[in-house]
Amino acid sequence: MFADSIAGLDARMRGASLLVGLRQPPALTELQALPGVQHIETLDDGRLRLEYAADHNPAETLAERAAAQGWCLYELSPERMSLEQIFVELTCKESDAPHQEVAA
């Protein structure tokens, strides 16, 4: 069962990922080397999802590097989860967890 405060739910909705659009993207290894970046996912529309450590948002460094290297940055936005996405994530995690039988 999920029980959290409004602040906790807000933090969960904010997440720690950026949606990034680059017209001339570098090799993923170059983006992976940015401070704080933990995982990169290529989305179907060509954009990237950069997951990062909660205390190391790479947005400013990414924007500076994109300008200096000519990557043609056209999107850089924090990704927010909807309440529906959080519900699905939580219910999937609960359904994957082993069920315990309660003795009567």
N, C-alpha and C. Protein backbone atom coordinates (compact mmCIF):
# COMPACT_ATOMS: atom_id res chain seq x y z
N MET A 1 0.84 -1.18 0.00
CA MET A 1 0.00 0.00 0.00
C MET A 1 0.89 1.24 0.00
N PHE A 2 0.50 2.24 -0.77
CA PHE A 2 1.27 3.47 -0.88
C PHE A 2 0.74 4.48 0.12
N ALA A 3 1.64 5.01 0.93
CA ALA A 3 1.27 6.07 1.87
C ALA A 3 2.42 7.06 1.86
N ASP A 4 2.12 8.29 1.48
CA ASP A 4 3.16 9.31 1.41
C ASP A 4 2.51 10.67 1.60
N SER A 5 3.33 11.65 1.88
CA SER A 5 2.83 13.02 2.03
C SER A 5 2.66 13.66 0.66
N ILE A 6 2.02 14.80 0.64
CA ILE A 6 1.86 15.56 -0.61
C ILE A 6 3.24 15.94 -1.14
N ALA A 7 4.16 16.32 -0.25
CA ALA A 7 5.52 16.68 -0.68
C ALA A 7 6.21 15.48 -1.31
N GLY A 8 6.02 14.29 -0.74
CA GLY A 8 6.62 13.08 -1.30
C GLY A 8 6.03 12.76 -2.66
N LEU A 9 4.73 12.92 -2.81
CA LEU A 9 4.08 12.68 -4.09
C LEU A 9 4.56 13.69 -5.13
N ASP A 10 4.70 14.95 -4.72
CA ASP A 10 5.20 15.98 -5.63
C ASP A 10 6.62 15.65 -6.09
N ALA A 11 7.47 15.21 -5.17
CA ALA A 11 8.85 14.83 -5.52
C ALA A 11 8.84 13.65 -6.49
N ARG A 12 7.95 12.70 -6.28
CA ARG A 12 7.85 11.54 -7.17
C ARG A 12 7.40 11.98 -8.56
N MET A 13 6.48 12.96 -8.62
CA MET A 13 6.00 13.46 -9.92
C MET A 13 7.10 14.19 -10.67
N ARG A 14 7.97 14.90 -9.94
CA ARG A 14 9.04 15.64 -10.59
C ARG A 14 10.09 14.71 -11.17
N GLY A 15 10.40 13.67 -10.45
CA GLY A 15 11.40 12.72 -10.95
C GLY A 15 12.76 13.34 -11.10
N ALA A 16 13.67 12.60 -11.68
CA ALA A 16 15.03 13.08 -11.89
C ALA A 16 15.45 12.73 -13.30
N SER A 17 14.70 13.29 -14.26
CA SER A 17 15.05 13.04 -15.65
C SER A 17 14.71 14.27 -16.50
N LEU A 18 15.45 14.38 -17.59
CA LEU A 18 15.28 15.47 -18.54
C LEU A 18 14.91 14.90 -19.90
N LEU A 19 14.05 15.60 -20.61
CA LEU A 19 13.80 15.29 -22.01
C LEU A 19 14.67 16.24 -22.82
N VAL A 20 15.45 15.67 -23.73
CA VAL A 20 16.43 16.44 -24.48
C VAL A 20 16.25 16.20 -25.97
N GLY A 21 16.23 17.29 -26.73
CA GLY A 21 16.19 17.21 -28.18
C GLY A 21 17.41 17.90 -28.76
N LEU A 22 18.18 17.18 -29.55
CA LEU A 22 19.38 17.72 -30.19
C LEU A 22 19.33 17.40 -31.68
N ARG A 23 19.49 18.40 -32.52
CA ARG A 23 19.47 18.16 -33.97
C ARG A 23 20.75 17.46 -34.45
N GLN A 24 21.87 17.71 -33.78
CA GLN A 24 23.14 17.08 -34.12
C GLN A 24 23.74 16.48 -32.84
N PRO A 25 23.13 15.40 -32.37
CA PRO A 25 23.57 14.84 -31.09
C PRO A 25 24.96 14.21 -31.18
N PRO A 26 25.69 14.29 -30.08
CA PRO A 26 27.00 13.63 -30.02
C PRO A 26 26.80 12.14 -29.74
N ALA A 27 27.88 11.42 -29.62
CA ALA A 27 27.81 10.01 -29.20
C ALA A 27 27.21 9.96 -27.80
N LEU A 28 26.43 8.94 -27.53
CA LEU A 28 25.81 8.82 -26.22
C LEU A 28 26.84 8.77 -25.09
N THR A 29 28.01 8.26 -25.39
CA THR A 29 29.06 8.20 -24.36
C THR A 29 29.46 9.60 -23.90
N GLU A 30 29.39 10.57 -24.81
CA GLU A 30 29.72 11.95 -24.44
C GLU A 30 28.67 12.52 -23.49
N LEU A 31 27.41 12.21 -23.75
CA LEU A 31 26.35 12.66 -22.86
C LEU A 31 26.40 11.91 -21.53
N GLN A 32 26.73 10.63 -21.59
CA GLN A 32 26.83 9.81 -20.39
C GLN A 32 27.91 10.34 -19.45
N ALA A 33 28.92 11.00 -20.01
CA ALA A 33 30.03 11.53 -19.21
C ALA A 33 29.68 12.83 -18.48
N LEU A 34 28.52 13.43 -18.77
CA LEU A 34 28.13 14.65 -18.06
C LEU A 34 27.93 14.33 -16.58
N PRO A 35 28.35 15.24 -15.70
CA PRO A 35 28.22 15.00 -14.26
C PRO A 35 26.76 14.73 -13.86
N GLY A 36 26.56 13.65 -13.14
CA GLY A 36 25.23 13.31 -12.63
C GLY A 36 24.42 12.38 -13.51
N VAL A 37 24.74 12.28 -14.80
CA VAL A 37 23.94 11.44 -15.70
C VAL A 37 24.16 9.97 -15.34
N GLN A 38 23.05 9.27 -15.12
CA GLN A 38 23.12 7.86 -14.73
C GLN A 38 22.68 6.92 -15.85
N HIS A 39 21.74 7.38 -16.67
CA HIS A 39 21.21 6.50 -17.72
C HIS A 39 20.65 7.37 -18.84
N ILE A 40 20.79 6.90 -20.08
CA ILE A 40 20.24 7.61 -21.23
C ILE A 40 19.37 6.64 -22.02
N GLU A 41 18.19 7.11 -22.39
CA GLU A 41 17.28 6.30 -23.19
C GLU A 41 16.92 7.09 -24.45
N THR A 42 17.01 6.44 -25.61
CA THR A 42 16.59 7.07 -26.86
C THR A 42 15.10 6.82 -27.04
N LEU A 43 14.33 7.87 -27.21
CA LEU A 43 12.88 7.76 -27.37
C LEU A 43 12.53 7.58 -28.85
N ASP A 44 11.32 7.12 -29.11
CA ASP A 44 10.88 6.84 -30.48
C ASP A 44 10.93 8.06 -31.40
N ASP A 45 10.75 9.25 -30.83
CA ASP A 45 10.72 10.46 -31.66
C ASP A 45 12.11 11.09 -31.84
N GLY A 46 13.16 10.38 -31.42
CA GLY A 46 14.52 10.88 -31.60
C GLY A 46 15.05 11.68 -30.43
N ARG A 47 14.17 12.05 -29.50
CA ARG A 47 14.64 12.76 -28.32
C ARG A 47 15.29 11.76 -27.37
N LEU A 48 15.90 12.29 -26.33
CA LEU A 48 16.56 11.47 -25.34
C LEU A 48 15.97 11.73 -23.97
N ARG A 49 15.98 10.71 -23.13
CA ARG A 49 15.62 10.87 -21.72
C ARG A 49 16.90 10.64 -20.94
N LEU A 50 17.32 11.67 -20.21
CA LEU A 50 18.51 11.57 -19.38
C LEU A 50 18.08 11.46 -17.92
N GLU A 51 18.37 10.33 -17.32
CA GLU A 51 18.11 10.16 -15.89
C GLU A 51 19.37 10.54 -15.15
N TYR A 52 19.20 11.26 -14.05
CA TYR A 52 20.36 11.78 -13.33
C TYR A 52 20.18 11.64 -11.83
N ALA A 53 21.28 11.72 -11.12
CA ALA A 53 21.27 11.69 -9.66
C ALA A 53 20.48 12.90 -9.17
N ALA A 54 19.63 12.69 -8.18
CA ALA A 54 18.72 13.74 -7.72
C ALA A 54 19.44 15.03 -7.34
N ASP A 55 20.65 14.95 -6.88
CA ASP A 55 21.37 16.16 -6.44
C ASP A 55 22.36 16.67 -7.49
N HIS A 56 22.29 16.16 -8.73
CA HIS A 56 23.22 16.58 -9.79
C HIS A 56 22.49 16.79 -11.12
N ASN A 57 21.62 17.77 -11.19
CA ASN A 57 20.90 18.05 -12.44
C ASN A 57 21.89 18.57 -13.48
N PRO A 58 22.04 17.86 -14.61
CA PRO A 58 23.03 18.25 -15.61
C PRO A 58 22.53 19.28 -16.63
N ALA A 59 21.36 19.87 -16.43
CA ALA A 59 20.75 20.74 -17.43
C ALA A 59 21.65 21.90 -17.84
N GLU A 60 22.21 22.61 -16.89
CA GLU A 60 23.04 23.78 -17.20
C GLU A 60 24.30 23.36 -17.97
N THR A 61 24.95 22.31 -17.50
CA THR A 61 26.16 21.83 -18.18
C THR A 61 25.83 21.35 -19.58
N LEU A 62 24.71 20.66 -19.73
CA LEU A 62 24.28 20.17 -21.05
C LEU A 62 24.03 21.33 -22.01
N ALA A 63 23.34 22.37 -21.54
CA ALA A 63 23.06 23.53 -22.39
C ALA A 63 24.35 24.23 -22.82
N GLU A 64 25.26 24.39 -21.89
CA GLU A 64 26.55 25.03 -22.21
C GLU A 64 27.33 24.21 -23.23
N ARG A 65 27.39 22.90 -23.00
CA ARG A 65 28.14 22.01 -23.89
C ARG A 65 27.48 21.97 -25.27
N ALA A 66 26.16 21.94 -25.32
CA ALA A 66 25.44 21.91 -26.60
C ALA A 66 25.74 23.16 -27.42
N ALA A 67 25.76 24.32 -26.75
CA ALA A 67 26.06 25.57 -27.46
C ALA A 67 27.50 25.59 -27.95
N ALA A 68 28.43 25.15 -27.11
CA ALA A 68 29.85 25.18 -27.47
C ALA A 68 30.20 24.18 -28.56
N GLN A 69 29.52 23.04 -28.58
CA GLN A 69 29.85 21.97 -29.53
C GLN A 69 28.95 21.95 -30.77
N GLY A 70 27.96 22.84 -30.83
CA GLY A 70 27.09 22.90 -32.01
C GLY A 70 26.12 21.74 -32.14
N TRP A 71 25.59 21.26 -31.01
CA TRP A 71 24.65 20.14 -31.04
C TRP A 71 23.24 20.55 -31.42
N CYS A 72 22.98 21.84 -31.53
CA CYS A 72 21.66 22.38 -31.91
C CYS A 72 20.56 21.90 -30.97
N LEU A 73 20.65 22.31 -29.73
CA LEU A 73 19.67 21.97 -28.71
C LEU A 73 18.34 22.65 -29.03
N TYR A 74 17.26 21.87 -29.14
CA TYR A 74 15.95 22.46 -29.39
C TYR A 74 14.95 22.15 -28.27
N GLU A 75 15.30 21.25 -27.38
CA GLU A 75 14.43 20.97 -26.23
C GLU A 75 15.28 20.54 -25.05
N LEU A 76 14.95 21.09 -23.88
CA LEU A 76 15.56 20.70 -22.63
C LEU A 76 14.53 20.98 -21.55
N SER A 77 13.85 19.94 -21.11
CA SER A 77 12.78 20.14 -20.13
C SER A 77 12.76 19.02 -19.10
N PRO A 78 12.42 19.38 -17.86
CA PRO A 78 12.30 18.34 -16.84
C PRO A 78 11.11 17.46 -17.17
N GLU A 79 11.25 16.18 -16.92
CA GLU A 79 10.15 15.26 -17.18
C GLU A 79 9.33 15.12 -15.91
N ARG A 80 8.03 15.29 -16.06
CA ARG A 80 7.12 15.15 -14.92
C ARG A 80 6.22 13.95 -15.16
N MET A 81 6.04 13.16 -14.13
CA MET A 81 5.16 12.01 -14.22
C MET A 81 3.75 12.44 -13.85
N SER A 82 2.76 11.88 -14.53
CA SER A 82 1.37 12.15 -14.18
C SER A 82 0.97 11.25 -13.01
N LEU A 83 -0.14 11.57 -12.37
CA LEU A 83 -0.64 10.71 -11.30
C LEU A 83 -0.93 9.32 -11.83
N GLU A 84 -1.41 9.24 -13.06
CA GLU A 84 -1.70 7.94 -13.66
C GLU A 84 -0.42 7.12 -13.82
N GLN A 85 0.67 7.74 -14.27
CA GLN A 85 1.94 7.03 -14.42
C GLN A 85 2.45 6.54 -13.08
N ILE A 86 2.32 7.36 -12.04
CA ILE A 86 2.76 6.95 -10.70
C ILE A 86 1.93 5.77 -10.22
N PHE A 87 0.61 5.84 -10.44
CA PHE A 87 -0.28 4.74 -10.04
C PHE A 87 0.13 3.44 -10.73
N VAL A 88 0.37 3.49 -12.04
CA VAL A 88 0.76 2.29 -12.78
C VAL A 88 2.09 1.77 -12.25
N GLU A 89 3.05 2.66 -12.02
CA GLU A 89 4.36 2.25 -11.51
C GLU A 89 4.22 1.55 -10.16
N LEU A 90 3.43 2.14 -9.27
CA LEU A 90 3.26 1.57 -7.94
C LEU A 90 2.52 0.24 -7.98
N THR A 91 1.47 0.15 -8.77
CA THR A 91 0.70 -1.09 -8.81
C THR A 91 1.48 -2.20 -9.50
N CYS A 92 2.29 -1.86 -10.48
CA CYS A 92 3.13 -2.89 -11.12
C CYS A 92 4.16 -3.41 -10.14
N LYS A 93 4.75 -2.53 -9.35
CA LYS A 93 5.74 -2.96 -8.36
C LYS A 93 5.09 -3.86 -7.32
N GLU A 94 3.87 -3.50 -6.88
CA GLU A 94 3.18 -4.32 -5.89
C GLU A 94 2.81 -5.68 -6.46
N SER A 95 2.39 -5.73 -7.73
CA SER A 95 2.00 -7.01 -8.31
C SER A 95 3.21 -7.90 -8.59
N ASP A 96 4.39 -7.31 -8.72
CA ASP A 96 5.62 -8.09 -8.92
C ASP A 96 6.17 -8.63 -7.61
N ALA A 97 5.80 -8.02 -6.49
CA ALA A 97 6.31 -8.44 -5.19
C ALA A 97 5.67 -9.78 -4.81
N PRO A 98 6.43 -10.62 -4.13
CA PRO A 98 5.87 -11.90 -3.70
C PRO A 98 4.74 -11.65 -2.69
N HIS A 99 3.67 -12.41 -2.82
CA HIS A 99 2.52 -12.27 -1.92
C HIS A 99 2.75 -13.13 -0.70
N GLN A 100 2.36 -12.61 0.45
CA GLN A 100 2.49 -13.37 1.68
C GLN A 100 1.12 -13.87 2.09
N GLU A 101 1.07 -15.10 2.49
CA GLU A 101 -0.19 -15.69 2.96
C GLU A 101 -0.35 -15.34 4.43
N VAL A 102 -1.55 -15.03 4.83
CA VAL A 102 -1.84 -14.71 6.21
C VAL A 102 -2.51 -15.92 6.83
N ALA A 103 -1.94 -16.40 7.91
CA ALA A 103 -2.52 -17.56 8.59
C ALA A 103 -3.77 -17.14 9.34
N ALA A 104 -4.80 -17.94 9.25
CA ALA A 104 -6.06 -17.61 9.93
C ALA A 104 -6.09 -18.17 11.31
